Amino acid sequence: MTRTLLGVVIAAFVVLRVWIWRRRRATGHERVRARWGPFAGDVGLVAGREMRERFRGKVFRVGTLLILAVVAAAIVIPTLNSGKAQPQQVGVVGALSAPLRAIVVASATSAGATVHFVPEPDRAAADRDLRSGRLDLAIVDGRELIVDKPPGPTGTSATAQFVRAVSNDLGVAEAVQAAHLSAAQASALAAARALPLQSLQAATTKGAVHTTSLIGLVLVFVMLSQYNTWILIGVMEEKSSRVIEVLLAAVRPIRLLTGKVVGIGLVAFAQATLIVAFSVALAQGVGSDLLHGTAPVLLASTFAWLVLGYAFYCWVYAAAGSLVERQDQVQSLAFPLSLPIVFGYIMALTAAGSGSASELFKVLAYLPPTAPFAMPVLVGFGTVTWWEFLASAAISIVCTVGMARLATGIYRRAILRTGRRVHLREVFSRAAG
């Protein structure tokens, strides 16, 4: 009887201990799930580890500060220079009547400039001042205009716009005088208004769109180059230090690789969000028009393709990192991997600078390696419909899923093979065998 009672007590104690252990384990899983949400479990733990390491690293902090400093300089310096516009120096040789002076002043105002008249004793003195740069324009007897260099019909400088405006306005004044119009007729001609102009499409701020497209291209290029290289080096370091053997003993390869790319991707997205928010806030704070008129659709498109581009390339770089285990091997492998990124970046810069897209560039907008650069530019041009945008995104997502499956297979077969660089043909031949 005593032995039976003792056995029951021991069994009850064991059951109680097992119940308490399972309760604590369930509570721990609930804490992990509450902390990481949809990334609960092994993927969430690996992603959190990657995020902590990147956020605490000096490379991330210093790099972020340098990017913010460059952005601040690009926004603030043009604003400071715009407030230091010097008046246009106009030399006057001979007589210049008050009405003609008023026309010159009005021409400068229309060109966004001011005028300072400089009396010149003769034509030779005016020529010398023009060559030395002390004068921007010389008016001889109210009928002849002289400049040092021709402004050109497409010049965008303040002096070029001012010279063209003065030439046109003084030419109109001379034509009115030659036609012997009365004062009332001349006033009616001067007060004439242009006919109202109607357009089939809404007006766009091409300057802002062009600037934002270039900034978006640079942001996507820097982010993809930097963070994909982090994945490549991170996988290589875990393999060379044999840390991967310990990690794979507790975590499945697909979960380990997914957690790594998700964690680094969240760091990239956080940095990109910080840069964009800082740029917009600083531009509004200093009164810069660098981003004025930027369409929200263009910003959303750039962010979307930054995510899609990272999702595609991160698996490529992760698989490549599992094939090497030394720094020199990484350098020789990183160059061919970056060629599609560099090619897409150069093609997008060329198209954004020219303001038009070729047929080849439109095709590149549907290829996953180059779509992150080509599609935002086409969105800025306004030449892409919503279904074309979604079609390109769908193609990129499907290819990303296929690339993830391929990269996971390569990672699983190559990550534990040390001693030398693993070639792809060996991986595939092993899989076939």
Protein backbone atom coordinates (compact mmCIF):
# COMPACT_ATOMS: atom_id res chain seq x y z
CA MET A 1 0.00 0.00 0.00
CA THR A 2 2.78 2.35 0.93
CA ARG A 3 4.63 1.62 -2.33
CA THR A 4 1.47 2.19 -4.34
CA LEU A 5 0.86 5.52 -2.63
CA LEU A 6 4.47 6.52 -3.17
CA GLY A 7 4.18 5.63 -6.87
CA VAL A 8 1.01 7.69 -7.23
CA VAL A 9 2.70 10.69 -5.59
CA ILE A 10 5.73 10.40 -7.84
CA ALA A 11 3.53 10.05 -10.93
CA ALA A 12 1.47 13.07 -9.86
CA PHE A 13 4.65 15.07 -9.30
CA VAL A 14 5.97 14.14 -12.73
CA VAL A 15 2.66 15.03 -14.39
CA LEU A 16 2.65 18.37 -12.55
CA ARG A 17 6.19 19.15 -13.61
CA VAL A 18 5.40 18.26 -17.24
CA TRP A 19 2.30 20.45 -17.15
CA ILE A 20 4.26 23.40 -15.70
CA TRP A 21 7.00 22.94 -18.31
CA ARG A 22 4.51 22.87 -21.18
CA ARG A 23 2.76 25.94 -19.76
CA ARG A 24 6.02 27.90 -19.61
CA ARG A 25 6.93 26.79 -23.12
CA ALA A 26 3.54 27.92 -24.43
CA THR A 27 3.97 31.26 -22.64
CA GLY A 28 7.39 31.68 -24.24
CA HIS A 29 5.95 31.03 -27.69
CA GLU A 30 3.20 33.57 -27.01
CA ARG A 31 5.81 36.14 -26.05
CA VAL A 32 7.74 35.49 -29.25
CA ARG A 33 4.55 35.67 -31.27
CA ALA A 34 3.50 38.91 -29.58
CA ARG A 35 6.91 40.42 -30.17
CA TRP A 36 7.45 39.43 -33.79
CA GLY A 37 3.87 39.15 -35.05
CA PRO A 38 3.81 37.46 -38.46
CA PHE A 39 7.52 36.64 -38.19
CA ALA A 40 7.11 34.55 -35.03
CA GLY A 41 9.35 31.57 -34.56
CA ASP A 42 12.72 30.86 -36.11
CA VAL A 43 12.31 33.38 -38.96
CA GLY A 44 11.46 36.16 -36.51
CA LEU A 45 14.39 35.35 -34.25
CA VAL A 46 16.87 35.32 -37.13
CA ALA A 47 15.40 38.53 -38.58
CA GLY A 48 15.60 40.24 -35.18
CA ARG A 49 19.22 39.16 -34.81
CA GLU A 50 20.11 40.59 -38.22
CA MET A 51 18.31 43.86 -37.47
CA ARG A 52 20.07 44.31 -34.12
CA GLU A 53 23.48 43.64 -35.64
CA ARG A 54 22.92 46.09 -38.52
CA PHE A 55 21.42 48.86 -36.41
CA ARG A 56 24.25 48.63 -33.87
CA GLY A 57 27.01 48.48 -36.48
CA LYS A 58 29.18 51.49 -37.21
CA VAL A 59 28.84 50.93 -40.96
CA PHE A 60 25.09 51.51 -40.82
CA ARG A 61 25.33 54.57 -38.58
CA VAL A 62 28.20 56.25 -40.40
CA GLY A 63 26.73 55.41 -43.80
CA THR A 64 23.34 56.83 -42.84
CA LEU A 65 24.92 60.04 -41.56
CA LEU A 66 26.95 60.43 -44.76
CA ILE A 67 23.87 59.93 -46.95
CA LEU A 68 21.88 62.45 -44.90
CA ALA A 69 24.76 64.94 -45.14
CA VAL A 70 24.90 64.58 -48.94
CA VAL A 71 21.12 65.00 -49.19
CA ALA A 72 21.22 68.07 -46.97
CA ALA A 73 23.98 69.63 -49.09
CA ALA A 74 22.05 68.92 -52.31
CA ILE A 75 18.97 70.68 -50.89
CA VAL A 76 20.50 73.57 -48.93
CA ILE A 77 23.33 74.73 -51.24
CA PRO A 78 21.09 75.53 -54.27
CA THR A 79 18.74 77.39 -51.92
CA LEU A 80 21.59 79.55 -50.61
CA ASN A 81 22.89 80.28 -54.09
CA SER A 82 19.44 81.20 -55.38
CA GLY A 83 19.24 84.04 -52.89
CA LYS A 84 22.50 85.61 -54.12
CA ALA A 85 21.44 86.52 -57.67
CA GLN A 86 23.38 89.57 -58.84
CA PRO A 87 21.66 92.30 -60.93
CA GLN A 88 22.27 92.32 -64.65
CA GLN A 89 24.87 94.94 -65.55
CA VAL A 90 23.65 96.87 -68.63
CA GLY A 91 26.00 99.37 -70.26
CA VAL A 92 24.36 102.35 -71.96
CA VAL A 93 26.17 104.05 -74.86
CA GLY A 94 24.49 107.19 -76.09
CA ALA A 95 20.90 108.10 -75.33
CA LEU A 96 18.37 105.66 -73.87
CA SER A 97 14.95 107.18 -73.38
CA ALA A 98 12.88 106.65 -70.25
CA PRO A 99 10.31 104.43 -72.06
CA LEU A 100 13.09 102.18 -73.33
CA ARG A 101 14.63 102.00 -69.85
CA ALA A 102 11.24 100.97 -68.50
CA ILE A 103 11.03 98.26 -71.16
CA VAL A 104 14.46 96.91 -70.16
CA VAL A 105 13.44 96.85 -66.48
CA ALA A 106 10.20 95.07 -67.35
CA SER A 107 12.12 92.53 -69.42
CA ALA A 108 14.41 91.82 -66.49
CA THR A 109 11.43 91.35 -64.19
CA SER A 110 9.85 88.85 -66.57
CA ALA A 111 13.14 86.92 -66.58
CA GLY A 112 13.36 86.96 -62.77
CA ALA A 113 16.28 89.40 -62.61
CA THR A 114 17.08 93.01 -61.75
CA VAL A 115 18.93 95.66 -63.76
CA HIS A 116 21.74 98.08 -63.02
CA PHE A 117 22.46 100.65 -65.75
CA VAL A 118 26.11 101.61 -66.26
CA PRO A 119 26.92 104.70 -68.39
CA GLU A 120 29.62 104.05 -71.00
CA PRO A 121 31.53 106.86 -72.78
CA ASP A 122 31.76 105.09 -76.14
CA ARG A 123 31.45 101.78 -77.97
CA ALA A 124 35.08 100.80 -77.37
CA ALA A 125 34.74 101.18 -73.60
CA ALA A 126 31.59 99.07 -73.62
CA ASP A 127 33.39 96.36 -75.62
CA ARG A 128 36.23 96.27 -73.08
CA ASP A 129 33.79 95.96 -70.15
CA LEU A 130 31.93 93.17 -71.92
CA ARG A 131 35.12 91.20 -72.50
CA SER A 132 36.24 91.68 -68.89
CA GLY A 133 32.88 90.52 -67.53
CA ARG A 134 31.91 93.83 -65.88
CA LEU A 135 28.93 94.10 -68.23
CA ASP A 136 26.35 91.50 -69.23
CA LEU A 137 24.77 93.58 -72.02
CA ALA A 138 25.45 96.86 -73.81
CA ILE A 139 22.80 99.01 -75.50
CA VAL A 140 24.10 101.45 -78.14
CA ASP A 141 21.80 104.39 -78.94
CA GLY A 142 18.77 102.32 -77.98
CA ARG A 143 18.96 100.35 -81.25
CA GLU A 144 21.87 97.94 -80.98
CA LEU A 145 22.48 95.18 -78.44
CA ILE A 146 25.96 93.78 -77.80
CA VAL A 147 27.02 90.79 -75.68
CA ASP A 148 30.33 89.05 -75.18
CA LYS A 149 29.06 85.56 -76.11
CA PRO A 150 25.82 84.66 -77.88
CA PRO A 151 23.23 83.35 -75.36
CA GLY A 152 21.76 80.74 -77.70
CA PRO A 153 18.06 79.98 -78.15
CA THR A 154 18.02 77.27 -75.46
CA GLY A 155 20.23 78.87 -72.80
CA THR A 156 18.76 78.59 -69.30
CA SER A 157 21.01 80.98 -67.38
CA ALA A 158 19.59 84.19 -65.95
CA THR A 159 21.70 86.30 -68.34
CA ALA A 160 20.58 84.35 -71.40
CA GLN A 161 16.91 84.69 -70.48
CA PHE A 162 17.35 88.40 -69.76
CA VAL A 163 19.13 89.09 -73.06
CA ARG A 164 16.48 87.26 -75.09
CA ALA A 165 13.68 89.12 -73.28
CA VAL A 166 15.33 92.53 -73.88
CA SER A 167 15.93 91.71 -77.54
CA ASN A 168 12.29 90.75 -78.11
CA ASP A 169 10.78 93.65 -76.16
CA LEU A 170 12.99 96.34 -77.70
CA GLY A 171 12.30 94.85 -81.13
CA VAL A 172 8.56 95.21 -80.53
CA ALA A 173 9.03 98.79 -79.34
CA GLU A 174 11.02 99.64 -82.47
CA ALA A 175 8.35 98.05 -84.66
CA VAL A 176 5.62 100.11 -82.97
CA GLN A 177 7.64 103.27 -83.54
CA ALA A 178 8.29 102.40 -87.19
CA ALA A 179 4.57 101.82 -87.77
CA HIS A 180 3.85 105.36 -86.50
CA LEU A 181 1.19 104.14 -84.09
CA SER A 182 -0.44 106.63 -81.77
CA ALA A 183 0.02 106.48 -78.03
CA ALA A 184 -3.43 104.93 -77.60
CA GLN A 185 -2.74 102.28 -80.25
CA ALA A 186 0.63 101.44 -78.71
CA SER A 187 -1.00 101.12 -75.28
CA ALA A 188 -3.70 98.84 -76.70
CA LEU A 189 -1.03 96.70 -78.36
CA ALA A 190 0.98 96.47 -75.16
CA ALA A 191 -2.12 95.50 -73.17
CA ALA A 192 -3.06 92.72 -75.57
CA ARG A 193 -3.55 89.37 -73.86
CA ALA A 194 -2.68 85.98 -75.24
CA LEU A 195 -5.50 83.71 -76.34
CA PRO A 196 -6.56 81.15 -73.71
CA LEU A 197 -4.82 77.83 -74.20
CA GLN A 198 -6.58 74.52 -73.55
CA SER A 199 -4.79 71.21 -73.13
CA LEU A 200 -5.94 67.63 -73.44
CA GLN A 201 -3.77 66.50 -70.52
CA ALA A 202 -3.20 67.99 -67.09
CA ALA A 203 -0.12 70.11 -66.59
CA THR A 204 2.90 68.42 -65.05
CA THR A 205 5.92 69.79 -63.23
CA LYS A 206 8.59 68.17 -65.37
CA GLY A 207 11.43 69.68 -63.41
CA ALA A 208 10.28 68.19 -60.13
CA VAL A 209 9.47 64.83 -61.74
CA HIS A 210 12.87 64.74 -63.44
CA THR A 211 14.68 65.58 -60.20
CA THR A 212 12.69 63.07 -58.18
CA SER A 213 13.30 60.35 -60.77
CA LEU A 214 17.06 60.91 -60.55
CA ILE A 215 16.99 60.94 -56.74
CA GLY A 216 14.90 57.76 -56.73
CA LEU A 217 17.29 56.02 -59.12
CA VAL A 218 20.29 56.88 -56.96
CA LEU A 219 18.45 55.70 -53.84
CA VAL A 220 17.46 52.35 -55.39
CA PHE A 221 20.98 51.79 -56.77
CA VAL A 222 22.70 52.55 -53.46
CA MET A 223 20.27 50.46 -51.43
CA LEU A 224 20.43 47.41 -53.68
CA SER A 225 24.23 47.55 -53.93
CA GLN A 226 24.80 48.05 -50.22
CA TYR A 227 22.34 45.64 -48.65
CA ASN A 228 22.77 42.82 -51.14
CA THR A 229 26.50 43.01 -50.50
CA TRP A 230 25.75 42.75 -46.78
CA ILE A 231 23.85 39.52 -47.43
CA LEU A 232 26.70 38.13 -49.55
CA ILE A 233 29.35 38.93 -46.94
CA GLY A 234 27.15 37.82 -44.01
CA VAL A 235 26.52 34.38 -45.48
CA MET A 236 30.20 34.03 -46.35
CA GLU A 237 31.33 34.95 -42.82
CA GLU A 238 28.94 32.47 -41.21
CA LYS A 239 30.26 29.75 -43.49
CA SER A 240 33.96 30.55 -42.99
CA SER A 241 33.65 30.79 -39.19
CA ARG A 242 31.62 27.55 -38.98
CA VAL A 243 28.85 29.39 -37.13
CA ILE A 244 26.44 28.09 -39.75
CA GLU A 245 26.92 24.54 -38.48
CA VAL A 246 25.58 25.56 -35.06
CA LEU A 247 22.70 27.54 -36.55
CA LEU A 248 21.62 24.76 -38.89
CA ALA A 249 21.50 22.35 -35.94
CA ALA A 250 18.59 24.40 -34.54
CA VAL A 251 17.04 26.14 -37.58
CA ARG A 252 16.02 24.79 -40.98
CA PRO A 253 18.00 26.28 -43.90
CA ILE A 254 15.00 27.93 -45.55
CA ARG A 255 13.96 29.61 -42.29
CA LEU A 256 17.51 30.74 -41.58
CA LEU A 257 17.92 32.22 -45.04
CA THR A 258 14.46 33.82 -44.99
CA GLY A 259 15.11 35.43 -41.62
CA LYS A 260 18.41 36.85 -42.85
CA VAL A 261 17.00 38.46 -46.00
CA VAL A 262 13.88 39.72 -44.18
CA GLY A 263 15.91 41.29 -41.36
CA ILE A 264 18.34 43.06 -43.67
CA GLY A 265 15.45 44.08 -45.92
CA LEU A 266 13.64 45.75 -43.02
CA VAL A 267 16.83 47.64 -42.18
CA ALA A 268 17.07 48.83 -45.79
CA PHE A 269 13.43 49.93 -45.83
CA ALA A 270 13.86 51.79 -42.52
CA GLN A 271 16.91 53.63 -43.84
CA ALA A 272 15.15 54.55 -47.10
CA THR A 273 12.13 55.85 -45.18
CA LEU A 274 14.39 57.95 -42.96
CA ILE A 275 16.18 59.46 -45.98
CA VAL A 276 12.97 60.35 -47.81
CA ALA A 277 11.32 61.81 -44.69
CA PHE A 278 14.44 63.85 -43.94
CA SER A 279 14.61 65.14 -47.53
CA VAL A 280 10.98 66.23 -47.62
CA ALA A 281 11.13 67.87 -44.17
CA LEU A 282 14.38 69.72 -44.94
CA ALA A 283 13.15 70.89 -48.36
CA GLN A 284 10.02 72.36 -46.75
CA GLY A 285 11.99 73.85 -43.88
CA VAL A 286 14.47 75.79 -46.03
CA GLY A 287 11.94 76.67 -48.73
CA SER A 288 13.63 74.61 -51.43
CA ASP A 289 11.68 73.80 -54.60
CA LEU A 290 13.84 70.77 -55.39
CA LEU A 291 11.01 68.34 -54.58
CA HIS A 292 8.15 70.75 -55.14
CA GLY A 293 5.45 69.25 -57.34
CA THR A 294 6.61 65.68 -56.85
CA ALA A 295 3.77 63.30 -57.52
CA PRO A 296 2.98 60.90 -54.63
CA VAL A 297 2.53 58.17 -57.23
CA LEU A 298 6.18 58.52 -58.23
CA LEU A 299 7.37 58.23 -54.63
CA ALA A 300 5.15 55.20 -54.03
CA SER A 301 6.41 53.60 -57.24
CA THR A 302 10.04 54.11 -56.24
CA PHE A 303 9.44 52.54 -52.82
CA ALA A 304 7.52 49.64 -54.32
CA TRP A 305 10.27 48.82 -56.78
CA LEU A 306 12.92 49.19 -54.12
CA VAL A 307 11.15 46.41 -52.20
CA LEU A 308 10.60 44.28 -55.32
CA GLY A 309 14.18 44.77 -56.49
CA TYR A 310 15.58 43.80 -53.11
CA ALA A 311 13.27 40.79 -52.91
CA PHE A 312 14.61 39.52 -56.24
CA TYR A 313 18.32 40.22 -55.78
CA CYS A 314 18.64 39.22 -52.12
CA TRP A 315 18.14 35.53 -52.95
CA VAL A 316 20.73 35.73 -55.72
CA TYR A 317 23.35 37.21 -53.40
CA ALA A 318 22.47 34.82 -50.57
CA ALA A 319 22.98 31.79 -52.81
CA ALA A 320 26.24 33.27 -54.10
CA GLY A 321 27.46 33.78 -50.53
CA SER A 322 27.03 30.09 -49.78
CA LEU A 323 29.44 29.20 -52.61
CA VAL A 324 32.46 31.08 -51.20
CA GLU A 325 34.24 31.34 -47.87
CA ARG A 326 37.03 33.91 -48.38
CA GLN A 327 37.06 37.67 -48.96
CA ASP A 328 38.93 37.45 -52.25
CA GLN A 329 36.32 35.04 -53.57
CA VAL A 330 33.59 37.50 -52.60
CA GLN A 331 35.23 40.30 -54.57
CA SER A 332 35.54 38.18 -57.70
CA LEU A 333 31.90 37.08 -57.39
CA ALA A 334 30.35 40.45 -56.53
CA PHE A 335 31.32 42.07 -59.84
CA PRO A 336 29.38 39.77 -62.21
CA LEU A 337 26.40 39.82 -59.83
CA SER A 338 26.31 43.63 -59.93
CA LEU A 339 26.40 43.90 -63.74
CA PRO A 340 22.57 43.76 -64.18
CA ILE A 341 22.16 46.41 -61.49
CA VAL A 342 24.75 48.70 -63.09
CA PHE A 343 23.28 48.15 -66.56
CA GLY A 344 19.74 48.97 -65.42
CA TYR A 345 20.98 52.01 -63.50
CA ILE A 346 22.89 53.45 -66.48
CA MET A 347 19.99 52.83 -68.88
CA ALA A 348 17.57 54.51 -66.48
CA LEU A 349 19.85 57.52 -65.99
CA THR A 350 20.17 57.91 -69.76
CA ALA A 351 16.41 57.75 -70.27
CA ALA A 352 15.68 60.13 -67.39
CA GLY A 353 18.24 62.62 -68.70
CA SER A 354 16.91 62.56 -72.27
CA GLY A 355 13.26 62.74 -71.22
CA SER A 356 12.21 59.91 -73.56
CA ALA A 357 12.16 56.12 -73.39
CA SER A 358 13.27 53.86 -76.22
CA GLU A 359 11.60 50.57 -77.08
CA LEU A 360 14.49 48.68 -75.48
CA PHE A 361 14.03 50.63 -72.26
CA LYS A 362 10.31 49.79 -72.22
CA VAL A 363 11.19 46.11 -72.55
CA LEU A 364 13.62 46.41 -69.63
CA ALA A 365 10.73 47.60 -67.46
CA TYR A 366 9.27 44.05 -67.59
CA LEU A 367 12.49 42.16 -66.80
CA PRO A 368 12.97 41.59 -63.03
CA PRO A 369 16.73 42.43 -63.00
CA THR A 370 16.18 45.88 -64.58
CA ALA A 371 12.53 46.68 -63.77
CA PRO A 372 13.40 48.35 -60.40
CA PHE A 373 15.20 51.08 -62.38
CA ALA A 374 13.17 51.27 -65.59
CA MET A 375 9.60 51.19 -64.30
CA PRO A 376 9.85 54.22 -61.89
CA VAL A 377 11.26 56.30 -64.77
CA LEU A 378 8.35 55.34 -67.01
CA VAL A 379 5.97 56.24 -64.19
CA GLY A 380 7.64 59.65 -64.00
CA PHE A 381 7.15 60.09 -67.75
CA GLY A 382 3.48 59.20 -67.40
CA THR A 383 3.71 56.59 -70.18
CA VAL A 384 2.67 53.56 -68.10
CA THR A 385 -0.89 52.50 -67.35
CA TRP A 386 -1.92 50.87 -64.07
CA TRP A 387 -2.28 47.42 -65.60
CA GLU A 388 1.20 47.62 -67.17
CA PHE A 389 2.63 48.53 -63.78
CA LEU A 390 0.83 45.61 -62.13
CA ALA A 391 1.87 43.24 -64.90
CA SER A 392 5.54 44.13 -64.41
CA ALA A 393 5.17 43.74 -60.63
CA ALA A 394 3.45 40.36 -61.06
CA ILE A 395 6.27 39.12 -63.33
CA SER A 396 8.83 40.25 -60.76
CA ILE A 397 6.99 38.50 -57.90
CA VAL A 398 6.67 35.22 -59.82
CA CYS A 399 10.36 35.29 -60.76
CA THR A 400 11.26 36.15 -57.16
CA VAL A 401 9.42 33.05 -55.89
CA GLY A 402 11.27 30.91 -58.42
CA MET A 403 14.58 32.53 -57.50
CA ALA A 404 13.90 31.94 -53.80
CA ARG A 405 13.32 28.22 -54.39
CA LEU A 406 16.47 27.95 -56.50
CA ALA A 407 18.58 29.95 -54.04
CA THR A 408 17.37 27.89 -51.08
CA GLY A 409 18.37 24.69 -52.85
CA ILE A 410 21.82 26.05 -53.65
CA TYR A 411 22.22 27.35 -50.10
CA ARG A 412 21.24 24.01 -48.54
CA ARG A 413 23.67 22.00 -50.68
CA ALA A 414 26.66 24.39 -50.62
CA ILE A 415 26.69 26.09 -47.22
CA LEU A 416 28.38 23.20 -45.40
CA ARG A 417 30.94 22.46 -48.11
CA THR A 418 34.19 24.11 -47.00
CA GLY A 419 37.80 24.11 -48.09
CA ARG A 420 37.35 25.68 -51.52
CA ARG A 421 34.90 27.58 -53.66
CA VAL A 422 31.86 25.57 -54.70
CA HIS A 423 30.83 25.78 -58.36
CA LEU A 424 27.24 25.73 -59.52
CA ARG A 425 27.73 22.66 -61.72
CA GLU A 426 28.82 20.70 -58.64
CA VAL A 427 25.68 21.78 -56.79
CA PHE A 428 23.37 20.82 -59.60
CA SER A 429 25.16 17.56 -60.29
CA ARG A 430 24.84 16.67 -56.61
CA ALA A 431 21.15 17.51 -56.70
CA ALA A 432 20.66 15.33 -59.79
CA GLY A 433 22.55 12.50 -58.15
